[in-house]
């Protein structure tokens, strides 16, 4: 069953067409890879889904609800959460406090409850703290909860950002190059973690990643963009043999090399 359906999305930046009639369909409980050369429109598509950019045409449905043009915080409330190419943490807060931020979108006490520290507010704070601790445990950082985010290594900070996303209880995770800058060991851990999120928690994942071996090894299906257009979609086995994909990554000369 489709969780997210993107149909004929077009987006222009001035005279540049960044996305040209892009379709993508993400099923519940699957990992969908999204690959393409630099500048092909991958991050732009994520920004459109999250409501950061409003498309000039096309439509987006999530869980049978149209969300085209939904604002970013509304997308999070609906169950779509993203991480970024560049880590975006509050470096003067602790790891736990950073992750708790992710769960606050699930609380509804409001400003007055916070000011007067009502019973509901105190209960929600306990729930938020527990959700954050559970998310840190999932990514293997429970022991770092009280550390400042600024004191962690780059790879650990990436895991904190992922934990914060998990704390918001997503149905769909949009991960923008989560393996960038990770050591081999931590990249292997990331692969196993994403599989557990899919298999044990049923979270669907759209994975944008330049490490093609990682994408091919973990994705149920892969969509390929080039110059703002979808040029291929299918299983990893089919995509890596697609002539348009080979040409987009390696150039036209590679096609002859593949057949010689």
Protein backbone atom coordinates (compact mmCIF):
# COMPACT_ATOMS: atom_id res chain seq x y z
CA UNK A 1 0.00 0.00 0.00
CA UNK A 2 1.30 3.44 -0.93
CA UNK A 3 2.21 5.70 1.96
CA UNK A 4 3.46 8.67 -0.08
CA UNK A 5 2.59 9.38 -3.69
CA UNK A 6 4.27 12.20 -5.61
CA UNK A 7 2.80 12.92 -9.04
CA UNK A 8 4.16 15.14 -11.80
CA UNK A 9 6.01 17.55 -9.51
CA UNK A 10 7.54 20.51 -11.32
CA UNK A 11 9.59 23.26 -9.68
CA UNK A 12 11.42 26.18 -11.27
CA UNK A 13 14.08 28.44 -9.81
CA UNK A 14 13.95 31.42 -12.11
CA UNK A 15 14.81 30.08 -15.55
CA UNK A 16 16.09 26.78 -14.18
CA UNK A 17 13.74 23.79 -14.04
CA UNK A 18 14.89 21.95 -10.93
CA UNK A 19 12.20 19.24 -11.07
CA UNK A 20 10.39 18.28 -14.24
CA UNK A 21 7.29 16.12 -13.81
CA UNK A 22 8.82 13.87 -11.14
CA UNK A 23 6.85 10.86 -9.87
CA UNK A 24 7.74 8.76 -6.86
CA UNK A 25 5.73 6.24 -4.87
CA UNK A 26 6.80 5.04 -1.41
CA UNK A 27 5.10 2.05 0.11
CA UNK A 28 4.50 1.55 3.82
CA UNK A 29 7.34 -0.28 5.55
CA UNK A 30 9.89 -0.11 2.72
CA UNK A 31 13.24 1.55 2.11
CA UNK A 32 13.22 3.53 -1.11
CA UNK A 33 16.56 4.74 -2.41
CA UNK A 34 16.77 8.07 -4.24
CA UNK A 35 19.97 8.54 -6.20
CA UNK A 36 21.35 10.67 -9.01
CA UNK A 37 24.36 12.80 -9.92
CA UNK A 38 25.05 16.06 -8.10
CA UNK A 39 22.41 18.64 -8.95
CA UNK A 40 19.87 16.06 -10.13
CA UNK A 41 17.15 17.33 -7.77
CA UNK A 42 17.24 14.84 -4.87
CA UNK A 43 17.38 17.30 -1.98
CA UNK A 44 15.04 19.63 -3.84
CA UNK A 45 12.46 16.85 -3.99
CA UNK A 46 12.78 16.28 -0.24
CA UNK A 47 12.29 20.02 0.31
CA UNK A 48 9.12 19.92 -1.80
CA UNK A 49 7.73 16.96 0.14
CA UNK A 50 8.48 18.76 3.42
CA UNK A 51 6.81 21.96 2.27
CA UNK A 52 9.98 24.05 2.23
CA UNK A 53 9.44 24.64 -1.50
CA UNK A 54 6.00 24.87 -3.07
CA UNK A 55 5.88 23.15 -6.47
CA UNK A 56 4.65 25.00 -9.53
CA UNK A 57 2.61 21.96 -10.52
CA UNK A 58 1.94 18.43 -9.37
CA UNK A 59 0.36 16.84 -6.33
CA UNK A 60 1.52 14.99 -3.21
CA UNK A 61 -0.57 12.55 -1.16
CA UNK A 62 0.43 11.11 2.21
CA UNK A 63 -1.74 8.45 3.85
CA UNK A 64 -4.60 9.28 1.44
CA UNK A 65 -4.42 12.97 2.31
CA UNK A 66 -3.26 15.69 -0.06
CA UNK A 67 -0.33 17.54 1.49
CA UNK A 68 0.87 19.59 -1.48
CA UNK A 69 2.27 22.84 -0.11
CA UNK A 70 1.90 21.79 3.52
CA UNK A 71 4.27 23.75 5.78
CA UNK A 72 7.25 21.94 7.30
CA UNK A 73 5.90 21.75 10.85
CA UNK A 74 2.58 20.47 9.51
CA UNK A 75 4.40 17.74 7.59
CA UNK A 76 6.15 16.69 10.82
CA UNK A 77 2.84 16.61 12.65
CA UNK A 78 1.43 14.44 9.85
CA UNK A 79 4.27 11.95 10.35
CA UNK A 80 6.96 12.95 7.81
CA UNK A 81 10.36 13.80 9.29
CA UNK A 82 13.68 14.56 7.61
CA UNK A 83 17.36 14.81 8.42
CA UNK A 84 19.78 17.15 6.64
CA UNK A 85 23.00 16.93 4.65
CA UNK A 86 24.51 19.42 7.10
CA UNK A 87 23.96 18.47 10.73
CA UNK A 88 21.55 20.86 12.45
CA UNK A 89 21.75 20.44 16.22
CA UNK A 90 21.55 22.81 19.18
CA UNK A 91 25.18 22.55 20.16
CA UNK A 92 24.81 24.32 23.50
CA UNK A 93 22.16 21.80 24.64
CA UNK A 94 22.72 18.28 25.86
CA UNK A 95 22.21 15.27 23.64
CA UNK A 96 19.03 14.40 25.54
CA UNK A 97 17.65 17.94 25.23
CA UNK A 98 18.30 17.90 21.47
CA UNK A 99 16.36 14.68 21.07
CA UNK A 100 13.52 15.85 23.32
CA UNK A 101 12.95 18.68 20.84
CA UNK A 102 11.86 16.09 18.31
CA UNK A 103 9.09 14.71 20.53
CA UNK A 104 7.54 18.06 21.42
CA UNK A 105 5.56 18.03 18.17
CA UNK A 106 3.54 15.13 19.69
CA UNK A 107 2.57 17.14 22.78
CA UNK A 108 -0.40 19.47 22.97
CA UNK A 109 -0.25 21.14 26.37
CA UNK A 110 0.18 24.61 24.93
CA UNK A 111 1.80 27.76 26.27
CA UNK A 112 -0.43 28.18 29.33
CA UNK A 113 0.22 24.62 30.47
CA UNK A 114 3.94 25.31 30.17
CA UNK A 115 3.81 28.61 32.05
CA UNK A 116 1.81 27.21 34.96
CA UNK A 117 3.47 23.78 34.83
CA UNK A 118 0.15 22.01 34.96
CA UNK A 119 -0.23 18.31 35.69
CA UNK A 120 -0.67 17.72 31.97
CA UNK A 121 2.53 19.62 31.21
CA UNK A 122 4.52 17.63 33.76
CA UNK A 123 3.16 14.37 32.37
CA UNK A 124 4.03 15.40 28.82
CA UNK A 125 7.56 16.31 29.89
CA UNK A 126 8.00 12.86 31.42
CA UNK A 127 6.71 11.27 28.22
CA UNK A 128 9.01 13.43 26.10
CA UNK A 129 12.03 12.52 28.20
CA UNK A 130 11.19 8.82 28.01
CA UNK A 131 10.68 8.96 24.24
CA UNK A 132 14.03 10.74 23.85
CA UNK A 133 15.83 8.16 25.98
CA UNK A 134 14.30 5.33 23.96
CA UNK A 135 15.39 6.98 20.71
CA UNK A 136 18.94 7.40 22.03
CA UNK A 137 18.97 3.74 22.98
CA UNK A 138 17.96 2.77 19.44
CA UNK A 139 20.91 4.66 17.94
CA UNK A 140 23.33 3.45 20.61
CA UNK A 141 23.91 6.76 22.41
CA UNK A 142 22.20 6.25 25.77
CA UNK A 143 25.49 6.78 27.60
CA UNK A 144 25.90 10.22 26.02
CA UNK A 145 22.54 11.69 27.06
CA UNK A 146 24.03 14.25 29.45
CA UNK A 147 26.89 15.32 27.17
CA UNK A 148 26.74 18.56 25.21
CA UNK A 149 26.02 17.95 21.53
CA UNK A 150 29.09 20.05 20.66
CA UNK A 151 31.35 17.57 22.47
CA UNK A 152 30.39 14.59 20.32
CA UNK A 153 32.19 13.33 17.24
CA UNK A 154 30.77 14.02 13.80
CA UNK A 155 29.41 10.47 13.48
CA UNK A 156 27.80 10.65 16.91
CA UNK A 157 26.18 13.97 16.02
CA UNK A 158 24.66 12.35 12.93
CA UNK A 159 23.17 9.66 15.18
CA UNK A 160 21.77 12.34 17.52
CA UNK A 161 20.02 13.97 14.58
CA UNK A 162 18.55 10.61 13.61
CA UNK A 163 17.45 9.98 17.22
CA UNK A 164 15.72 13.36 17.25
CA UNK A 165 13.85 12.41 14.09
CA UNK A 166 12.80 9.08 15.63
CA UNK A 167 11.56 10.83 18.78
CA UNK A 168 8.92 12.57 16.66
CA UNK A 169 7.36 9.15 15.95
CA UNK A 170 7.55 9.31 12.15
CA UNK A 171 5.72 7.13 9.70
CA UNK A 172 8.09 8.25 6.93
CA UNK A 173 11.77 9.22 7.34
CA UNK A 174 13.46 11.33 4.67
CA UNK A 175 17.20 10.85 5.14
CA UNK A 176 19.48 13.19 3.19
CA UNK A 177 22.96 11.60 2.96
CA UNK A 178 22.97 10.08 6.46
CA UNK A 179 26.22 8.18 5.79
CA UNK A 180 28.21 11.26 4.75
CA UNK A 181 31.38 11.51 6.82
CA UNK A 182 30.75 8.29 8.75
CA UNK A 183 33.47 5.72 9.42
CA UNK A 184 33.03 2.27 7.90
CA UNK A 185 31.98 0.81 11.24
CA UNK A 186 29.40 3.50 11.87
CA UNK A 187 28.12 3.24 8.29
CA UNK A 188 27.63 -0.51 8.83
CA UNK A 189 25.76 0.29 12.05
CA UNK A 190 23.57 2.76 10.14
CA UNK A 191 22.63 0.08 7.59
CA UNK A 192 21.58 -2.36 10.30
CA UNK A 193 19.72 0.40 12.14
CA UNK A 194 17.70 1.36 9.06
CA UNK A 195 16.78 -2.27 8.49
CA UNK A 196 15.58 -2.55 12.09
CA UNK A 197 13.50 0.61 11.74
CA UNK A 198 11.86 -0.87 8.64
CA UNK A 199 11.42 -4.42 9.88
CA UNK A 200 10.64 -3.90 13.58
CA UNK A 201 8.95 -0.50 13.65
CA UNK A 202 7.43 -0.42 10.17
CA UNK A 203 8.90 3.00 9.37
CA UNK A 204 9.13 3.79 5.67
CA UNK A 205 12.39 5.44 4.59
CA UNK A 206 13.34 7.58 1.60
CA UNK A 207 17.12 7.38 1.48
CA UNK A 208 19.16 9.95 -0.45
CA UNK A 209 22.77 8.80 -0.48
CA UNK A 210 25.90 9.12 -2.63
CA UNK A 211 27.33 5.85 -1.33
CA UNK A 212 25.82 3.75 -4.11
CA UNK A 213 26.94 0.44 -2.61
CA UNK A 214 25.03 1.28 0.56
CA UNK A 215 21.86 2.22 -1.34
CA UNK A 216 22.01 -0.86 -3.53
CA UNK A 217 22.51 -3.10 -0.52
CA UNK A 218 19.65 -1.82 1.61
CA UNK A 219 16.91 -0.46 -0.67
CA UNK A 220 13.79 -2.39 -1.62
CA UNK A 221 13.39 -0.11 -4.64
CA UNK A 222 15.39 2.75 -6.11
CA UNK A 223 14.38 5.90 -7.98
CA UNK A 224 17.00 7.67 -10.10
CA UNK A 225 16.91 11.37 -10.96
CA UNK A 226 18.99 13.19 -13.54
CA UNK A 227 18.69 16.89 -14.31
CA UNK A 228 15.39 17.08 -12.45
CA UNK A 229 13.75 14.14 -14.21
CA UNK A 230 13.10 10.58 -13.15
CA UNK A 231 15.07 8.34 -15.50
CA UNK A 232 14.66 4.96 -13.79
CA UNK A 233 12.86 3.16 -10.99
CA UNK A 234 12.85 -0.44 -9.85
CA UNK A 235 14.78 -3.02 -7.91
CA UNK A 236 18.50 -2.41 -7.27
CA UNK A 237 19.35 -5.21 -9.71
CA UNK A 238 17.36 -3.59 -12.53
CA UNK A 239 18.44 -0.03 -11.82
CA UNK A 240 22.18 -0.71 -11.84
CA UNK A 241 21.88 -2.27 -15.32
CA UNK A 242 19.73 0.52 -16.77
CA UNK A 243 21.56 2.24 -19.67
CA UNK A 244 20.19 5.67 -18.72
CA UNK A 245 21.55 5.28 -15.19
CA UNK A 246 24.97 4.17 -16.46
CA UNK A 247 25.07 7.14 -18.82
CA UNK A 248 24.00 9.61 -16.09
CA UNK A 249 26.76 8.50 -13.74
CA UNK A 250 29.57 7.53 -16.10
CA UNK A 251 28.87 9.29 -19.39
CA UNK A 252 27.94 7.98 -22.82
CA UNK A 253 31.32 6.33 -23.30
CA UNK A 254 30.57 3.96 -20.46
CA UNK A 255 27.76 2.36 -22.42
CA UNK A 256 30.17 0.93 -24.92
CA UNK A 257 32.45 -0.26 -22.18
CA UNK A 258 29.56 -2.10 -20.55
CA UNK A 259 28.84 -4.06 -23.73
CA UNK A 260 32.39 -4.66 -24.94
